[in-house]
Amino acid sequence: AILRRLEACGDFEIVIFDEQMILDQPITEWPRVRCLIAFFSTGFPIEKAIEYVHEYKPVTLNDLSAQELLRNRVSVYQKLQEWSIPCPDYMAVNHHECGEGTGNTFVEEKDKIIFNGRVMKKPFVEKPLDADDHNIHIYYPPSVGGGCKKLFRKIGDKSSAFDPDCNAVRRDQAYLYEPFVNTQGTDMKVYTVGREYFHAEVRKAPTVDGKVNRSKDGKEIRYPVILSEAEKVISALIVKAFRQTVCGFDILRTNGGSMVCDVNGWSFVKGNQKYYDDFAELGRKFFLSKCGRWDIQRKITYKDQQPVRSVHHDDDETIEDRSEFGERLRCVIMVVRHGDRKPKEKLKFKTVHPQILQYFDDNDPEEEILIKSPEDMTRLLETVKGIVAAERTRAELAAGGGEVPTTKPIAKEELQYMDMLLSFFLMHDRFTGVSRKVQLKPIKWKADAQDSESLRVTKVQVVAKWGG
């Protein structure tokens, strides 16, 4: 879409390098171009591309030699610190260089790790140093039940899975460890085109329940957001520090301010026509100015749309008046509400599991049970952990041909909800002072076998609420 727009403006002839040629032929056989768009991806011979740039010196949007730095997470954090860009505190540990005779000590305890005297308490994040490895683990402390949330590249509608039995860190390679930061269940991604154009979007974080929210056309649901002034400064600094005109990176928004936790290099917004227009306009100006062309203020016309002029520095500035094309902005209608509060998040499902029904053995079977105190929340957490662990054990025994327990298994959908409930409990490292509660609402009963005048609860609706 972007290349079509650049070609349509009439200033460029687009030459696409054939994949076979890139892989098999020397750079002397590659076409000569004045402007080059290239970026690292798996299998792409970045070294040959860098050699081509050094030899023939085309104008490049992104510095190819600097893209090597982006492939190592520690190098990225070091560059961020060098430019005073906020990023998480971290420890880089090569487990092959720890132990007797190495000069490095690594100690792991139930609720923390200690590397050369530095302590990092759970919850913390464990990332491979290789930036192309997206198998990231988050370890939780015993005070909220322990376990590990395993993040991975999206597979269908899943982006993470919780493992209640995984409490020990991986020791097969070098890893980066950083404190887990609570971002209220959202991830923010920022896309730049130069130092003055930024587009930011938020999505549901994979740490919430691992389910990817998609629209009717199958795309992940994201919402545009406006950057703060500090975040705009961070964006401009990243473009300059990493020498990447077109760059994507992740921001963690916290109560203490925003920090950068990942820099991806070449990234662009997918499916956003306005962004494509802006990208083409800004990219055209960049290339022409570097090539010594100064007639870049004229409006450009794409074959499939009306003329547009160079647009804003940020997404929140006024759109141009298009009256000369028969259109004029008459008014802006907004539906707004006060920002003093936001609605609570909810998780609802129904269950007939005996361990949940037991809560009504000593309570009025027609009254709902509110679980809110740290003691009651911890008790329910242990119950849910036990249910999930038992079902996983059952599945493993069935797959391995072992003896399966005679108790009735719970439905697959109900097990998925139990997994989500477990994630709800593990959002924070403690229950005290956290706005979370669980309601157990009886919705089905039958007469007690021992006392016909009494009722026994046979189905419960579980409602978990948080936030707000």
Foldseek 3Di string as FASTA:
>chain_A
DLVLLLVQLPPDDDDDWDPCCQPPPQLVPTDQDQEDEDEDDPPGPLVRVLVNCVVRVHHYQFNSVLNVQQQFQVSVVVLCVVLVFFAFDKDKDWLVQEDPPNPWHWDDDQFWIAIPRDIDGPQKKKAARGPVFFFIKTWFHVQLQTWIWTAHPDDQFFGIATDSPDHDDDNPGMIMMGYDAFQPQKKKKWKAQALQEIWMKIAGDCLQQRGFDADPVGHGDIGTDFDDPSVSNSSNVVCVSSVANTWMFIWRQDPVGIGTHHTDGHDDDPPDVVRSVQNSLSVSVVNCVVVVHDPSQDWGDGPVDGTAGHDGSYPPDDGDAPVVVVDGDDDDDDDDDDPPFDDKDKQKDKDQDPVVLVVCVPPALQDKDKQQDQVSLSVVLVVLVVLLVLLVVQVVCVVVVHDHDPDDRDDPVVSSSSSSVNSVSRSDNGRPPFFKMKMWHQDDWAADPVHRVGIGGRMTMIMIIHGD
